[in-house]
C-alpha atoms as a PDB file:
ATOM      1  CA  UNK A   1     235.133  77.623 157.984  1.00  0.00           C
ATOM      2  CA  UNK A   2     235.661  76.330 161.531  1.00  0.00           C
ATOM      3  CA  UNK A   3     233.441  73.698 163.171  1.00  0.00           C
ATOM      4  CA  UNK A   4     231.906  76.333 165.449  1.00  0.00           C
ATOM      5  CA  UNK A   5     231.130  78.659 162.536  1.00  0.00           C
ATOM      6  CA  UNK A   6     229.553  75.783 160.633  1.00  0.00           C
ATOM      7  CA  UNK A   7     227.455  74.757 163.639  1.00  0.00           C
ATOM      8  CA  UNK A   8     226.361  78.327 164.208  1.00  0.00           C
ATOM      9  CA  UNK A   9     225.411  78.809 160.568  1.00  0.00           C
ATOM     10  CA  UNK A  10     223.793  75.393 160.102  1.00  0.00           C
ATOM     11  CA  UNK A  11     221.842  75.229 163.345  1.00  0.00           C
ATOM     12  CA  UNK A  12     221.242  78.892 164.142  1.00  0.00           C
ATOM     13  CA  UNK A  13     223.162  78.723 167.407  1.00  0.00           C
ATOM     14  CA  UNK A  14     223.780  82.215 168.757  1.00  0.00           C
ATOM     15  CA  UNK A  15     224.606  81.418 172.385  1.00  0.00           C
ATOM     16  CA  UNK A  16     226.956  78.618 173.322  1.00  0.00           C
ATOM     17  CA  UNK A  17     227.092  76.774 176.650  1.00  0.00           C
ATOM     18  CA  UNK A  18     230.031  77.459 178.930  1.00  0.00           C
ATOM     19  CA  UNK A  19     228.937  75.015 181.638  1.00  0.00           C
ATOM     20  CA  UNK A  20     226.363  72.226 181.837  1.00  0.00           C
ATOM     21  CA  UNK A  21     225.368  70.710 185.186  1.00  0.00           C
ATOM     22  CA  UNK A  22     223.189  67.645 185.657  1.00  0.00           C
ATOM     23  CA  UNK A  23     221.644  67.682 189.127  1.00  0.00           C
ATOM     24  CA  UNK A  24     220.262  64.145 189.334  1.00  0.00           C
ATOM     25  CA  UNK A  25     218.983  64.424 192.896  1.00  0.00           C
ATOM     26  CA  UNK A  26     217.057  67.593 192.026  1.00  0.00           C
ATOM     27  CA  UNK A  27     215.935  66.145 188.659  1.00  0.00           C
ATOM     28  CA  UNK A  28     217.240  69.261 186.942  1.00  0.00           C
ATOM     29  CA  UNK A  29     219.617  70.369 184.197  1.00  0.00           C
ATOM     30  CA  UNK A  30     221.390  73.722 184.428  1.00  0.00           C
ATOM     31  CA  UNK A  31     223.134  75.422 181.524  1.00  0.00           C
ATOM     32  CA  UNK A  32     225.252  78.581 181.665  1.00  0.00           C
ATOM     33  CA  UNK A  33     225.499  80.332 178.300  1.00  0.00           C
ATOM     34  CA  UNK A  34     228.255  82.573 176.956  1.00  0.00           C
ATOM     35  CA  UNK A  35     226.134  85.727 177.260  1.00  0.00           C
ATOM     36  CA  UNK A  36     225.785  85.338 181.036  1.00  0.00           C
ATOM     37  CA  UNK A  37     222.319  83.746 181.012  1.00  0.00           C
ATOM     38  CA  UNK A  38     221.757  80.645 183.117  1.00  0.00           C
ATOM     39  CA  UNK A  39     218.723  78.417 182.729  1.00  0.00           C
ATOM     40  CA  UNK A  40     217.568  75.715 185.101  1.00  0.00           C
ATOM     41  CA  UNK A  41     215.300  73.120 183.512  1.00  0.00           C
ATOM     42  CA  UNK A  42     213.255  70.596 185.490  1.00  0.00           C
ATOM     43  CA  UNK A  43     213.540  67.123 183.928  1.00  0.00           C
ATOM     44  CA  UNK A  44     209.757  66.972 183.525  1.00  0.00           C
ATOM     45  CA  UNK A  45     209.778  70.205 181.503  1.00  0.00           C
ATOM     46  CA  UNK A  46     212.496  68.906 179.169  1.00  0.00           C
ATOM     47  CA  UNK A  47     210.774  65.524 178.803  1.00  0.00           C
ATOM     48  CA  UNK A  48     207.379  66.927 177.827  1.00  0.00           C
ATOM     49  CA  UNK A  49     209.035  69.359 175.385  1.00  0.00           C
ATOM     50  CA  UNK A  50     211.286  66.733 173.809  1.00  0.00           C
ATOM     51  CA  UNK A  51     212.185  67.573 170.209  1.00  0.00           C
ATOM     52  CA  UNK A  52     211.787  63.887 169.297  1.00  0.00           C
ATOM     53  CA  UNK A  53     209.386  62.776 166.579  1.00  0.00           C
ATOM     54  CA  UNK A  54     207.639  60.700 169.265  1.00  0.00           C
ATOM     55  CA  UNK A  55     206.563  63.959 170.952  1.00  0.00           C
ATOM     56  CA  UNK A  56     206.616  66.492 168.100  1.00  0.00           C
ATOM     57  CA  UNK A  57     205.221  64.191 165.419  1.00  0.00           C
ATOM     58  CA  UNK A  58     206.347  64.167 161.822  1.00  0.00           C
ATOM     59  CA  UNK A  59     204.447  67.229 160.640  1.00  0.00           C
ATOM     60  CA  UNK A  60     202.312  70.202 161.648  1.00  0.00           C
ATOM     61  CA  UNK A  61     199.551  69.464 164.145  1.00  0.00           C
ATOM     62  CA  UNK A  62     200.982  66.111 165.217  1.00  0.00           C
ATOM     63  CA  UNK A  63     202.495  67.197 168.558  1.00  0.00           C
ATOM     64  CA  UNK A  64     201.604  64.791 171.354  1.00  0.00           C
ATOM     65  CA  UNK A  65     200.683  65.824 174.878  1.00  0.00           C
ATOM     66  CA  UNK A  66     202.955  63.887 177.218  1.00  0.00           C
ATOM     67  CA  UNK A  67     201.349  63.333 180.611  1.00  0.00           C
ATOM     68  CA  UNK A  68     202.306  61.471 183.768  1.00  0.00           C
ATOM     69  CA  UNK A  69     205.906  62.631 183.945  1.00  0.00           C
ATOM     70  CA  UNK A  70     205.914  64.551 187.247  1.00  0.00           C
ATOM     71  CA  UNK A  71     208.609  62.289 188.725  1.00  0.00           C
ATOM     72  CA  UNK A  72     210.798  61.721 185.662  1.00  0.00           C
ATOM     73  CA  UNK A  73     214.530  62.135 186.131  1.00  0.00           C
ATOM     74  CA  UNK A  74     217.568  62.370 183.897  1.00  0.00           C
ATOM     75  CA  UNK A  75     219.867  59.352 183.844  1.00  0.00           C
ATOM     76  CA  UNK A  76     222.569  60.743 181.567  1.00  0.00           C
ATOM     77  CA  UNK A  77     223.626  63.308 178.989  1.00  0.00           C
ATOM     78  CA  UNK A  78     225.460  62.633 175.744  1.00  0.00           C
ATOM     79  CA  UNK A  79     227.152  65.341 173.675  1.00  0.00           C
ATOM     80  CA  UNK A  80     226.095  65.288 170.033  1.00  0.00           C
ATOM     81  CA  UNK A  81     228.950  66.939 168.202  1.00  0.00           C
ATOM     82  CA  UNK A  82     229.381  70.538 169.301  1.00  0.00           C
ATOM     83  CA  UNK A  83     225.759  71.508 168.759  1.00  0.00           C
ATOM     84  CA  UNK A  84     223.488  69.453 171.014  1.00  0.00           C
ATOM     85  CA  UNK A  85     222.771  67.075 173.884  1.00  0.00           C
ATOM     86  CA  UNK A  86     220.943  63.782 173.907  1.00  0.00           C
ATOM     87  CA  UNK A  87     219.137  63.456 177.219  1.00  0.00           C
ATOM     88  CA  UNK A  88     218.383  59.978 178.540  1.00  0.00           C
ATOM     89  CA  UNK A  89     215.419  60.113 180.892  1.00  0.00           C
ATOM     90  CA  UNK A  90     214.663  57.446 183.477  1.00  0.00           C
ATOM     91  CA  UNK A  91     211.436  56.554 181.637  1.00  0.00           C
ATOM     92  CA  UNK A  92     213.916  55.419 178.918  1.00  0.00           C
ATOM     93  CA  UNK A  93     212.994  58.182 176.467  1.00  0.00           C
ATOM     94  CA  UNK A  94     216.249  59.064 174.707  1.00  0.00           C
ATOM     95  CA  UNK A  95     215.419  60.025 171.138  1.00  0.00           C
ATOM     96  CA  UNK A  96     215.304  63.807 171.533  1.00  0.00           C
ATOM     97  CA  UNK A  97     218.329  65.808 170.396  1.00  0.00           C
ATOM     98  CA  UNK A  98     218.343  69.138 172.271  1.00  0.00           C
ATOM     99  CA  UNK A  99     220.384  71.660 170.292  1.00  0.00           C
ATOM    100  CA  UNK A 100     221.957  74.554 172.178  1.00  0.00           C
ATOM    101  CA  UNK A 101     219.613  76.844 170.229  1.00  0.00           C
ATOM    102  CA  UNK A 102     216.575  74.866 171.397  1.00  0.00           C
ATOM    103  CA  UNK A 103     217.771  74.755 175.008  1.00  0.00           C
ATOM    104  CA  UNK A 104     218.304  78.513 174.972  1.00  0.00           C
ATOM    105  CA  UNK A 105     214.822  79.097 173.531  1.00  0.00           C
ATOM    106  CA  UNK A 106     213.238  76.698 176.048  1.00  0.00           C
ATOM    107  CA  UNK A 107     214.991  78.597 178.830  1.00  0.00           C
ATOM    108  CA  UNK A 108     213.803  81.986 177.598  1.00  0.00           C
ATOM    109  CA  UNK A 109     210.219  80.771 177.132  1.00  0.00           C
ATOM    110  CA  UNK A 110     210.030  78.366 180.079  1.00  0.00           C
ATOM    111  CA  UNK A 111     207.316  80.175 182.063  1.00  0.00           C
ATOM    112  CA  UNK A 112     205.019  80.571 179.056  1.00  0.00           C
ATOM    113  CA  UNK A 113     205.612  77.048 177.772  1.00  0.00           C
ATOM    114  CA  UNK A 114     204.977  75.551 181.212  1.00  0.00           C
ATOM    115  CA  UNK A 115     201.720  77.480 181.634  1.00  0.00           C
ATOM    116  CA  UNK A 116     200.586  76.349 178.161  1.00  0.00           C
ATOM    117  CA  UNK A 117     201.477  72.741 178.995  1.00  0.00           C
ATOM    118  CA  UNK A 118     199.496  72.822 182.251  1.00  0.00           C
ATOM    119  CA  UNK A 119     196.505  74.354 180.442  1.00  0.00           C
ATOM    120  CA  UNK A 120     196.743  71.674 177.735  1.00  0.00           C
ATOM    121  CA  UNK A 121     196.772  68.903 180.353  1.00  0.00           C
ATOM    122  CA  UNK A 122     193.740  70.436 182.026  1.00  0.00           C
ATOM    123  CA  UNK A 123     191.843  70.840 178.755  1.00  0.00           C
ATOM    124  CA  UNK A 124     192.482  67.188 177.873  1.00  0.00           C
ATOM    125  CA  UNK A 125     191.708  65.852 181.341  1.00  0.00           C
ATOM    126  CA  UNK A 126     195.283  64.627 181.780  1.00  0.00           C
ATOM    127  CA  UNK A 127     197.582  64.759 184.797  1.00  0.00           C
ATOM    128  CA  UNK A 128     201.248  65.329 185.516  1.00  0.00           C
ATOM    129  CA  UNK A 129     201.069  62.279 187.804  1.00  0.00           C
ATOM    130  CA  UNK A 130     201.630  58.785 186.441  1.00  0.00           C
ATOM    131  CA  UNK A 131     198.556  56.602 186.041  1.00  0.00           C
ATOM    132  CA  UNK A 132     197.931  54.330 189.003  1.00  0.00           C
ATOM    133  CA  UNK A 133     198.596  50.652 188.568  1.00  0.00           C
ATOM    134  CA  UNK A 134     195.530  48.570 187.914  1.00  0.00           C
END
């Protein structure tokens, strides 16, 4: 079995990236997939949907609402094998491993996920803006 077949079987990857572009000035990541789909992800969106345990928790119902990240940027990207990216954000969060499968799903569901995130912030009285210094 080839590495790509293993990665596809083990991680459920159906669509592979053909080009990845980090647009630091725009605080955005763009990924072109092999089926012709292109997704453009704002850094804030990726940060608040990080697959890290810090954000997702260690079990059901433990997901954290990440607020105050309106201005977050991406400092760097690191390939993790053939199946994922580690994104290093300028708030120093770097523990999320974004598989190609996850990035594709985030791209497909971006509008719904963003609306749910904004509603969650509102319901909890939180803001996208960082807290002011005291």
